[in-house]
C-alpha atoms as a PDB file:
ATOM      1  CA  UNK A   1      20.782   4.007   7.171  1.00  0.00           C
ATOM      2  CA  UNK A   2      18.890   4.972  10.305  1.00  0.00           C
ATOM      3  CA  UNK A   3      17.933   2.095  12.551  1.00  0.00           C
ATOM      4  CA  UNK A   4      14.589   1.852  14.255  1.00  0.00           C
ATOM      5  CA  UNK A   5      14.643   2.106  18.054  1.00  0.00           C
ATOM      6  CA  UNK A   6      12.187   2.472  20.888  1.00  0.00           C
ATOM      7  CA  UNK A   7      10.985   6.041  21.430  1.00  0.00           C
ATOM      8  CA  UNK A   8       9.215   7.822  24.252  1.00  0.00           C
ATOM      9  CA  UNK A   9       5.603   8.919  23.814  1.00  0.00           C
ATOM     10  CA  UNK A  10       6.787  12.543  23.557  1.00  0.00           C
ATOM     11  CA  UNK A  11       9.254  11.704  20.772  1.00  0.00           C
ATOM     12  CA  UNK A  12       6.571   9.887  18.762  1.00  0.00           C
ATOM     13  CA  UNK A  13       4.044  12.719  19.223  1.00  0.00           C
ATOM     14  CA  UNK A  14       6.638  15.285  18.121  1.00  0.00           C
ATOM     15  CA  UNK A  15       7.189  13.334  14.903  1.00  0.00           C
ATOM     16  CA  UNK A  16       3.448  12.881  14.304  1.00  0.00           C
ATOM     17  CA  UNK A  17       2.943  16.652  14.572  1.00  0.00           C
ATOM     18  CA  UNK A  18       5.800  17.203  12.134  1.00  0.00           C
ATOM     19  CA  UNK A  19       3.941  15.056   9.588  1.00  0.00           C
ATOM     20  CA  UNK A  20       0.680  16.957   9.984  1.00  0.00           C
ATOM     21  CA  UNK A  21      -1.182  14.894  12.568  1.00  0.00           C
ATOM     22  CA  UNK A  22      -3.039  16.312  15.555  1.00  0.00           C
ATOM     23  CA  UNK A  23      -4.572  14.823  18.684  1.00  0.00           C
ATOM     24  CA  UNK A  24      -8.135  13.748  17.887  1.00  0.00           C
ATOM     25  CA  UNK A  25      -9.460  12.004  21.007  1.00  0.00           C
ATOM     26  CA  UNK A  26      -8.775   9.347  23.601  1.00  0.00           C
ATOM     27  CA  UNK A  27      -9.189   5.814  22.398  1.00  0.00           C
ATOM     28  CA  UNK A  28      -9.697   2.625  24.350  1.00  0.00           C
ATOM     29  CA  UNK A  29      -7.633   2.110  27.462  1.00  0.00           C
ATOM     30  CA  UNK A  30      -4.366   4.005  27.379  1.00  0.00           C
ATOM     31  CA  UNK A  31      -4.461   4.793  23.659  1.00  0.00           C
ATOM     32  CA  UNK A  32      -5.010   8.081  21.858  1.00  0.00           C
ATOM     33  CA  UNK A  33      -6.198   8.669  18.317  1.00  0.00           C
ATOM     34  CA  UNK A  34      -4.252  11.073  16.123  1.00  0.00           C
ATOM     35  CA  UNK A  35      -5.691  12.322  12.816  1.00  0.00           C
ATOM     36  CA  UNK A  36      -4.256  13.849   9.636  1.00  0.00           C
ATOM     37  CA  UNK A  37      -6.874  16.331   8.411  1.00  0.00           C
ATOM     38  CA  UNK A  38      -5.775  16.364   4.757  1.00  0.00           C
ATOM     39  CA  UNK A  39      -6.841  12.747   4.188  1.00  0.00           C
ATOM     40  CA  UNK A  40      -8.630  11.698   7.390  1.00  0.00           C
ATOM     41  CA  UNK A  41      -5.994   9.117   8.342  1.00  0.00           C
ATOM     42  CA  UNK A  42      -6.463   8.074  11.994  1.00  0.00           C
ATOM     43  CA  UNK A  43      -3.607   6.419  13.884  1.00  0.00           C
ATOM     44  CA  UNK A  44      -3.896   4.930  17.390  1.00  0.00           C
ATOM     45  CA  UNK A  45      -0.922   5.702  19.635  1.00  0.00           C
ATOM     46  CA  UNK A  46      -0.312   4.013  23.012  1.00  0.00           C
ATOM     47  CA  UNK A  47       0.284   6.356  25.943  1.00  0.00           C
ATOM     48  CA  UNK A  48       1.761   4.324  28.799  1.00  0.00           C
ATOM     49  CA  UNK A  49       3.389   6.674  31.289  1.00  0.00           C
ATOM     50  CA  UNK A  50       7.079   5.984  31.707  1.00  0.00           C
ATOM     51  CA  UNK A  51       7.204   3.165  29.151  1.00  0.00           C
ATOM     52  CA  UNK A  52       8.765   3.529  25.710  1.00  0.00           C
ATOM     53  CA  UNK A  53       6.805   2.756  22.567  1.00  0.00           C
ATOM     54  CA  UNK A  54       8.233  -0.459  21.167  1.00  0.00           C
ATOM     55  CA  UNK A  55       9.827  -0.866  17.753  1.00  0.00           C
ATOM     56  CA  UNK A  56       7.029  -3.002  16.309  1.00  0.00           C
ATOM     57  CA  UNK A  57       4.416  -0.385  17.209  1.00  0.00           C
ATOM     58  CA  UNK A  58       6.540   2.400  15.734  1.00  0.00           C
ATOM     59  CA  UNK A  59       7.029   0.351  12.560  1.00  0.00           C
ATOM     60  CA  UNK A  60       3.223  -0.023  12.251  1.00  0.00           C
ATOM     61  CA  UNK A  61       2.767   3.750  12.676  1.00  0.00           C
ATOM     62  CA  UNK A  62       5.419   4.426  10.022  1.00  0.00           C
ATOM     63  CA  UNK A  63       3.750   1.977   7.630  1.00  0.00           C
ATOM     64  CA  UNK A  64       0.330   3.631   8.089  1.00  0.00           C
ATOM     65  CA  UNK A  65       1.862   7.048   7.418  1.00  0.00           C
ATOM     66  CA  UNK A  66       3.487   5.748   4.228  1.00  0.00           C
ATOM     67  CA  UNK A  67       6.945   6.889   5.306  1.00  0.00           C
ATOM     68  CA  UNK A  68      10.364   5.285   5.441  1.00  0.00           C
ATOM     69  CA  UNK A  69      12.086   4.596   8.758  1.00  0.00           C
ATOM     70  CA  UNK A  70      14.684   7.230   7.857  1.00  0.00           C
ATOM     71  CA  UNK A  71      12.038   9.918   7.263  1.00  0.00           C
ATOM     72  CA  UNK A  72      10.261   9.183  10.538  1.00  0.00           C
ATOM     73  CA  UNK A  73      13.394   8.882  12.691  1.00  0.00           C
ATOM     74  CA  UNK A  74      14.953  12.111  11.375  1.00  0.00           C
ATOM     75  CA  UNK A  75      14.989  14.700  14.183  1.00  0.00           C
END
């Protein structure tokens, strides 16, 4: 079983692209909006330079995508 851990912004974006999302536009503050064209799903992603994205935020992204932790964390 793969455990959830903090990831860098680049690692999260790489996984989002793998699951069919693309950058849509900047959101409020230091957030970006990523969209999946096939169903219009929009996911906000924090972009704080030099800071990892915390486990709770990653878990929320995974839940919105409808994936398991193992699927998302697979490299």
